[in-house]
Protein backbone atom coordinates (compact mmCIF):
# COMPACT_ATOMS: atom_id res chain seq x y z
CA MET A 1 112.36 72.11 38.74
CA SER A 2 115.37 74.44 38.71
CA TYR A 3 114.48 76.59 41.71
CA SER A 4 114.09 75.96 45.44
CA CYS A 5 113.59 77.71 48.76
CA THR A 6 116.44 79.77 50.26
CA PHE A 7 116.44 77.50 53.34
CA ASP A 8 116.07 73.76 53.88
CA LEU A 9 112.36 73.02 54.27
CA SER A 10 113.24 69.84 56.18
CA ALA A 11 115.36 71.60 58.79
CA GLU A 12 114.24 71.99 62.40
CA GLY A 13 113.78 75.53 63.65
CA LYS A 14 112.19 78.75 62.47
CA PHE A 15 113.09 80.20 59.10
CA PHE A 16 112.01 83.28 57.16
CA GLY A 17 113.09 83.03 53.53
CA HIS A 18 112.02 83.13 49.94
CA VAL A 19 111.61 81.04 46.83
CA PRO A 20 113.42 82.81 43.98
CA ILE A 21 111.27 82.53 40.85
CA PRO A 22 113.29 83.23 37.67
CA TRP A 23 112.03 86.44 36.06
CA SER A 24 114.02 87.78 33.14
CA ARG A 25 112.76 91.21 32.05
CA ASP A 26 113.89 94.55 30.67
CA GLU A 27 115.03 95.78 34.08
CA ALA A 28 116.98 92.60 34.96
CA GLY A 29 118.18 90.13 32.36
CA TRP A 30 119.13 87.82 35.22
CA GLY A 31 116.51 88.41 37.88
CA ASP A 32 114.34 86.61 40.41
CA LEU A 33 110.96 87.32 41.97
CA MET A 34 111.42 86.64 45.71
CA VAL A 35 108.23 85.06 47.09
CA PRO A 36 108.19 84.94 50.94
CA VAL A 37 108.02 81.51 52.61
CA ILE A 38 108.16 80.75 56.36
CA SER A 39 108.74 77.41 58.09
CA ILE A 40 108.50 76.49 61.78
CA ARG A 41 109.43 72.89 62.48
CA HIS A 42 110.01 71.00 65.71
CA GLY A 43 109.75 67.30 66.49
CA ALA A 44 107.33 64.77 65.08
CA GLY A 45 103.84 65.74 63.97
CA PRO A 46 101.71 66.78 61.02
CA CYS A 47 102.70 69.38 58.44
CA ALA A 48 100.25 72.24 57.85
CA LEU A 49 100.45 74.49 54.80
CA VAL A 50 98.72 77.84 55.42
CA ILE A 51 98.44 80.23 52.47
CA ALA A 52 97.26 83.81 51.98
CA GLY A 53 97.50 86.22 49.08
CA ASN A 54 96.32 83.68 46.51
CA HIS A 55 94.60 86.80 45.17
CA GLY A 56 96.49 90.01 45.77
CA ASP A 57 93.52 92.16 46.83
CA GLU A 58 92.51 89.90 49.74
CA TRP A 59 94.23 91.04 52.92
CA GLU A 60 93.02 89.50 56.19
CA GLY A 61 94.92 86.24 55.90
CA GLN A 62 98.12 88.01 54.92
CA PHE A 63 98.16 89.98 58.17
CA ALA A 64 97.16 86.97 60.30
CA ILE A 65 99.89 84.75 58.87
CA ARG A 66 102.62 87.34 59.33
CA ASN A 67 101.65 88.01 62.95
CA ILE A 68 101.34 84.32 63.90
CA ALA A 69 104.62 83.44 62.20
CA ARG A 70 106.51 86.05 64.19
CA GLU A 71 104.88 85.03 67.47
CA LEU A 72 105.24 81.24 67.27
CA GLN A 73 108.50 79.66 68.32
CA PRO A 74 109.76 76.15 67.48
CA ARG A 75 109.15 75.02 71.06
CA ASP A 76 105.43 75.81 70.51
CA VAL A 77 105.19 73.37 67.58
CA LYS A 78 104.92 69.61 67.21
CA GLY A 79 105.46 68.97 63.54
CA GLN A 80 105.74 71.69 60.92
CA ILE A 81 103.89 74.80 59.77
CA ILE A 82 104.68 76.27 56.37
CA PHE A 83 103.29 79.76 55.84
CA VAL A 84 103.05 81.45 52.44
CA PRO A 85 101.81 84.96 53.32
CA ALA A 86 101.69 86.38 49.78
CA LEU A 87 101.29 83.55 47.29
CA ASN A 88 100.71 85.70 44.19
CA PHE A 89 103.37 88.17 45.27
CA PRO A 90 103.20 90.47 42.21
CA ALA A 91 99.41 90.72 42.61
CA VAL A 92 99.80 91.56 46.31
CA LEU A 93 102.19 94.41 45.50
CA ASN A 94 99.76 95.59 42.83
CA ASN A 95 96.58 95.24 44.99
CA SER A 96 95.01 93.21 42.18
CA ARG A 97 93.30 89.85 41.89
CA CYS A 98 95.56 88.66 39.08
CA SER A 99 99.27 89.12 38.49
CA PRO A 100 100.24 92.35 36.71
CA ILE A 101 103.12 90.45 35.07
CA ASP A 102 101.26 87.80 33.09
CA LYS A 103 97.61 88.66 33.97
CA LEU A 104 97.03 85.14 35.33
CA ASN A 105 94.72 84.23 38.19
CA MET A 106 96.84 82.09 40.53
CA ASN A 107 93.80 80.10 41.62
CA ARG A 108 93.03 78.90 38.10
CA ILE A 109 96.41 77.53 36.95
CA PHE A 110 97.32 74.78 39.46
CA PRO A 111 99.30 72.52 39.44
CA GLY A 112 101.33 75.09 37.53
CA ASP A 113 104.18 74.77 35.07
CA SER A 114 107.84 75.13 36.07
CA ARG A 115 108.65 76.21 32.50
CA GLY A 116 105.71 78.60 32.15
CA SER A 117 105.15 82.22 33.09
CA VAL A 118 105.90 83.70 36.53
CA THR A 119 102.50 82.81 38.02
CA GLN A 120 102.69 79.27 36.64
CA LYS A 121 106.19 78.86 38.13
CA ILE A 122 105.03 79.98 41.59
CA ALA A 123 102.12 77.51 41.44
CA ALA A 124 104.43 74.70 40.32
CA PHE A 125 106.80 75.27 43.25
CA VAL A 126 103.96 75.43 45.77
CA TYR A 127 102.34 72.30 44.39
CA GLN A 128 105.49 70.19 44.03
CA GLU A 129 107.45 71.32 47.10
CA LEU A 130 104.82 72.48 49.61
CA VAL A 131 101.47 70.84 48.88
CA ARG A 132 103.06 67.42 48.46
CA ARG A 133 104.91 67.88 51.76
CA ALA A 134 101.82 68.99 53.70
CA ASP A 135 99.25 66.81 55.47
CA PHE A 136 96.54 69.45 54.94
CA VAL A 137 96.15 72.89 53.37
CA LEU A 138 94.31 76.00 54.55
CA ASP A 139 93.86 78.82 52.02
CA LEU A 140 92.80 82.24 53.37
CA HIS A 141 90.67 84.39 51.04
CA ALA A 142 88.32 87.38 51.02
CA GLY A 143 86.04 88.83 48.37
CA GLY A 144 88.65 91.17 46.93
CA ARG A 145 87.70 94.48 45.36
CA THR A 146 84.53 93.30 43.57
CA LEU A 147 82.76 91.06 46.12
CA MET A 148 81.72 91.16 49.76
CA CYS A 149 81.58 87.73 51.40
CA ALA A 150 80.17 86.60 54.71
CA THR A 151 82.81 85.16 57.02
CA TYR A 152 82.75 81.48 56.18
CA GLY A 153 84.86 78.40 55.74
CA ALA A 154 84.28 76.29 52.63
CA MET A 155 85.00 72.74 51.55
CA HIS A 156 83.96 70.30 48.85
CA ARG A 157 82.62 66.82 49.36
CA TYR A 158 85.28 64.13 48.97
CA PRO A 159 84.53 60.71 47.46
CA ASP A 160 86.23 59.27 50.56
CA ALA A 161 84.11 59.68 53.71
CA GLU A 162 87.10 59.76 56.05
CA LEU A 163 88.66 62.65 54.14
CA SER A 164 85.36 64.50 54.34
CA ARG A 165 85.28 63.96 58.12
CA LYS A 166 88.84 65.17 58.59
CA THR A 167 88.27 68.24 56.46
CA LEU A 168 85.01 69.11 58.20
CA GLY A 169 86.77 68.76 61.57
CA LEU A 170 89.46 71.25 60.51
CA MET A 171 86.87 73.66 59.14
CA ARG A 172 84.84 73.50 62.36
CA ALA A 173 88.02 74.13 64.34
CA PHE A 174 88.58 77.35 62.41
CA GLY A 175 85.37 78.56 64.01
CA ALA A 176 83.97 80.82 61.30
CA PRO A 177 80.32 81.79 61.90
CA ILE A 178 79.37 79.78 58.79
CA SER A 179 80.90 76.66 57.25
CA LEU A 180 79.92 75.93 53.65
CA ILE A 181 79.82 72.58 51.93
CA PHE A 182 79.76 73.37 48.24
CA GLU A 183 77.34 71.53 46.00
CA ALA A 184 78.76 73.37 43.00
CA GLU A 185 81.12 76.22 42.21
CA PRO A 186 81.24 78.40 39.11
CA ASP A 187 84.78 77.27 38.22
CA ARG A 188 86.94 74.56 39.82
CA ASP A 189 89.44 73.80 37.05
CA GLY A 190 92.95 74.85 38.03
CA MET A 191 92.02 75.80 41.60
CA LEU A 192 94.38 75.05 44.48
CA ASP A 193 91.38 73.32 46.08
CA THR A 194 91.13 70.79 43.28
CA ALA A 195 94.88 70.18 43.09
CA VAL A 196 95.05 69.34 46.82
CA GLU A 197 91.85 67.29 46.80
CA ASP A 198 93.11 65.23 43.86
CA LEU A 199 96.07 64.22 46.03
CA GLY A 200 93.65 62.92 48.68
CA LYS A 201 94.53 65.57 51.26
CA PRO A 202 92.21 67.71 53.40
CA PHE A 203 91.73 71.21 52.01
CA PHE A 204 89.47 74.05 53.00
CA CYS A 205 89.44 77.77 52.45
CA VAL A 206 87.88 80.70 54.24
CA GLU A 207 86.34 83.95 53.02
CA LEU A 208 86.88 86.84 55.39
CA GLY A 209 85.06 89.88 54.04
CA GLY A 210 85.95 91.78 50.90
CA SER A 211 85.25 94.99 48.98
CA GLY A 212 89.01 95.53 48.97
CA THR A 213 88.90 96.51 52.64
CA VAL A 214 90.40 95.04 55.79
CA THR A 215 89.32 95.45 59.43
CA ALA A 216 90.78 94.63 62.81
CA ARG A 217 87.83 92.30 63.41
CA SER A 218 88.37 90.32 60.21
CA ILE A 219 92.09 89.97 60.90
CA GLY A 220 91.20 88.75 64.40
CA VAL A 221 88.82 86.14 63.01
CA ALA A 222 91.54 84.93 60.65
CA ALA A 223 94.18 84.75 63.39
CA ARG A 224 91.94 82.94 65.88
CA GLY A 225 90.83 80.56 63.14
CA VAL A 226 94.33 79.63 62.01
CA ARG A 227 95.37 78.98 65.61
CA GLY A 228 92.24 76.88 66.14
CA VAL A 229 93.10 74.71 63.15
CA LEU A 230 96.71 74.25 64.31
CA ASN A 231 95.45 73.25 67.77
CA HIS A 232 92.95 70.80 66.29
CA ALA A 233 95.70 69.17 64.24
CA GLY A 234 97.86 68.75 67.36
CA ILE A 235 100.60 71.00 66.01
CA THR A 236 100.10 73.70 68.67
CA SER A 237 98.23 74.04 71.96
CA THR A 238 97.56 77.77 72.17
CA PRO A 239 94.84 78.83 74.66
CA LEU A 240 92.00 80.37 72.64
CA PRO A 241 88.69 82.08 73.41
CA ALA A 242 85.62 79.95 72.77
CA VAL A 243 83.47 80.76 69.75
CA PRO A 244 79.87 79.78 68.93
CA ASP A 245 79.40 76.62 66.90
CA THR A 246 79.64 77.21 63.18
CA ARG A 247 76.46 77.02 61.10
CA ILE A 248 76.71 74.37 58.37
CA MET A 249 75.34 75.67 55.07
CA GLU A 250 75.63 75.15 51.33
CA ILE A 251 75.37 77.30 48.24
CA PRO A 252 73.28 75.22 45.84
CA ALA A 253 73.84 75.27 42.10
CA ASN A 254 70.81 77.56 41.67
CA GLY A 255 71.99 79.85 44.46
CA PHE A 256 74.14 81.98 42.16
CA VAL A 257 72.72 85.03 40.38
CA ARG A 258 74.69 86.26 37.37
CA ALA A 259 74.47 89.54 35.53
CA ALA A 260 72.10 89.17 32.59
CA ASP A 261 73.69 92.06 30.70
CA HIS A 262 76.55 94.53 30.86
CA GLY A 263 75.72 97.66 32.82
CA LEU A 264 75.30 99.30 36.21
CA PHE A 265 74.07 96.84 38.81
CA GLU A 266 71.92 98.26 41.61
CA PRO A 267 71.51 95.87 44.60
CA PHE A 268 68.25 95.65 46.57
CA VAL A 269 69.49 93.41 49.41
CA GLU A 270 72.27 93.40 51.99
CA MET A 271 74.63 90.77 53.36
CA GLY A 272 72.91 88.30 55.70
CA GLU A 273 69.43 89.17 54.44
CA VAL A 274 66.99 86.28 53.96
CA VAL A 275 65.53 86.14 50.44
CA ARG A 276 62.87 84.00 48.78
CA ALA A 277 62.79 82.31 45.39
CA GLY A 278 61.55 84.74 42.76
CA GLN A 279 62.44 87.80 44.81
CA ALA A 280 64.05 90.73 42.98
CA ILE A 281 67.52 91.21 44.44
CA GLY A 282 68.75 93.96 42.12
CA GLN A 283 68.47 95.54 38.72
CA MET A 284 70.77 96.36 35.82
CA HIS A 285 70.75 99.87 34.36
CA SER A 286 71.93 100.73 30.86
CA PRO A 287 75.03 102.93 31.30
CA HIS A 288 74.22 104.81 28.07
CA LEU A 289 70.41 105.01 28.01
CA PRO A 290 68.94 106.21 31.32
CA GLU A 291 65.44 106.18 29.80
CA ARG A 292 65.59 102.39 29.39
CA GLU A 293 63.80 100.38 32.09
CA PRO A 294 66.29 98.51 34.32
CA LEU A 295 66.55 94.73 33.91
CA GLN A 296 65.29 92.99 37.06
CA HIS A 297 67.39 90.18 38.57
CA THR A 298 65.74 87.55 40.76
CA VAL A 299 67.00 84.75 42.95
CA ARG A 300 65.99 81.18 42.13
CA CYS A 301 65.95 79.68 45.62
CA ASP A 302 65.30 80.61 49.23
CA GLY A 303 68.35 81.43 51.29
CA GLU A 304 70.60 83.90 53.08
CA VAL A 305 72.77 86.37 51.17
CA LEU A 306 76.38 85.22 51.63
CA VAL A 307 78.08 86.93 48.68
CA ARG A 308 77.22 90.20 46.94
CA ARG A 309 78.93 92.18 44.25
CA THR A 310 80.08 95.56 45.51
CA SER A 311 81.31 97.13 42.28
CA GLY A 312 78.56 99.10 40.53
CA LEU A 313 79.67 98.04 37.06
CA ALA A 314 79.15 94.42 36.02
CA SER A 315 79.61 92.46 32.81
CA HIS A 316 77.29 89.84 31.40
CA GLY A 317 77.90 86.62 33.36
CA ASP A 318 79.50 88.16 36.46
CA CYS A 319 78.24 86.79 39.77
CA VAL A 320 76.25 89.55 41.49
CA LEU A 321 74.82 87.49 44.37
CA ALA A 322 75.03 84.07 46.01
CA VAL A 323 72.72 82.68 48.67
CA GLY A 324 73.25 79.85 51.11
CA ARG A 325 70.86 77.62 53.01
CA PRO A 326 71.23 75.40 56.10
CA VAL A 327 72.17 71.80 55.46
CA ASP A 328 72.88 68.69 57.50
CA ALA A 329 76.60 67.94 57.22
CA ASN A 330 75.99 64.18 57.11
CA VAL A 331 73.61 64.56 54.20
CA ALA A 332 75.75 67.05 52.30
CA LEU A 333 78.89 64.92 52.70
CA GLY A 334 77.19 61.56 52.26
CA LEU A 335 78.25 60.39 55.71
CA SER A 336 76.48 57.61 57.53
CA ARG A 337 77.21 58.79 61.07
CA ALA A 338 77.54 62.06 62.91
CA VAL A 339 80.74 64.07 62.63
């Protein structure tokens, strides 16, 4: 890899810098895209990698990371925290899910390619230089411009029970109202999740709202959660307000509802609403033929609405709804004793 951070990632202290990603273009034959990176290191202890801006239209984590990074001092830390506040930097500047440069979704191209396009190069640096250095990874998301998500943490089941326990402990420490253990996801290939999990390291993400909006409350949840995770890992010891215990849930494979046609999707249910199998949760209108009867969409299992599409226009196959249901963590993770 021919590029590196503008400061020594192994150095003690607090550093705000960048990773220059080579970007030759019409406006600059010799040019770099400067992706922000922050490191706070002091003494012996674990290394946490905390990321936001994996998708550029998801904002809560970006604000939380920037605020925490300015506030924390090296004396507050035992170990190292690496913050990446705007992972897909071009997408952040463009308020878009994918990069406007190469149209790639950062969270579908890990572990990246140091000789590929700009997005692939960013992913390669993060994977090789940051993920491999870290003891665990926290990725802060929201629903972006097309989805509204309940505030939840999310993890996958690991083949190794101890890794599952460690990851669940970190997720509980974040303190989101809901913590999801995924039975299945629509698409895991190329995700940061999968890249970290394949290295045998704890990884979890959080969803903090969506619809392309950001609120003071959602930023507060993100900030308190990140600090809770750092405390749990023994990296910091910041006094924090108590939060109610998180509810452990899952989104089963049949909990996703996808658009059955291209058109205008009209929702019938709201976030947090309890629905029953077979219930109509929305309908698809023909954009061209208002006389045509709308196509009813039903949910296949009982559950609570955790994700809902907010854009009125949907294409065939787009997720328009996802429901979760309570689950015992030991059962979902295949653990033999309480965690």
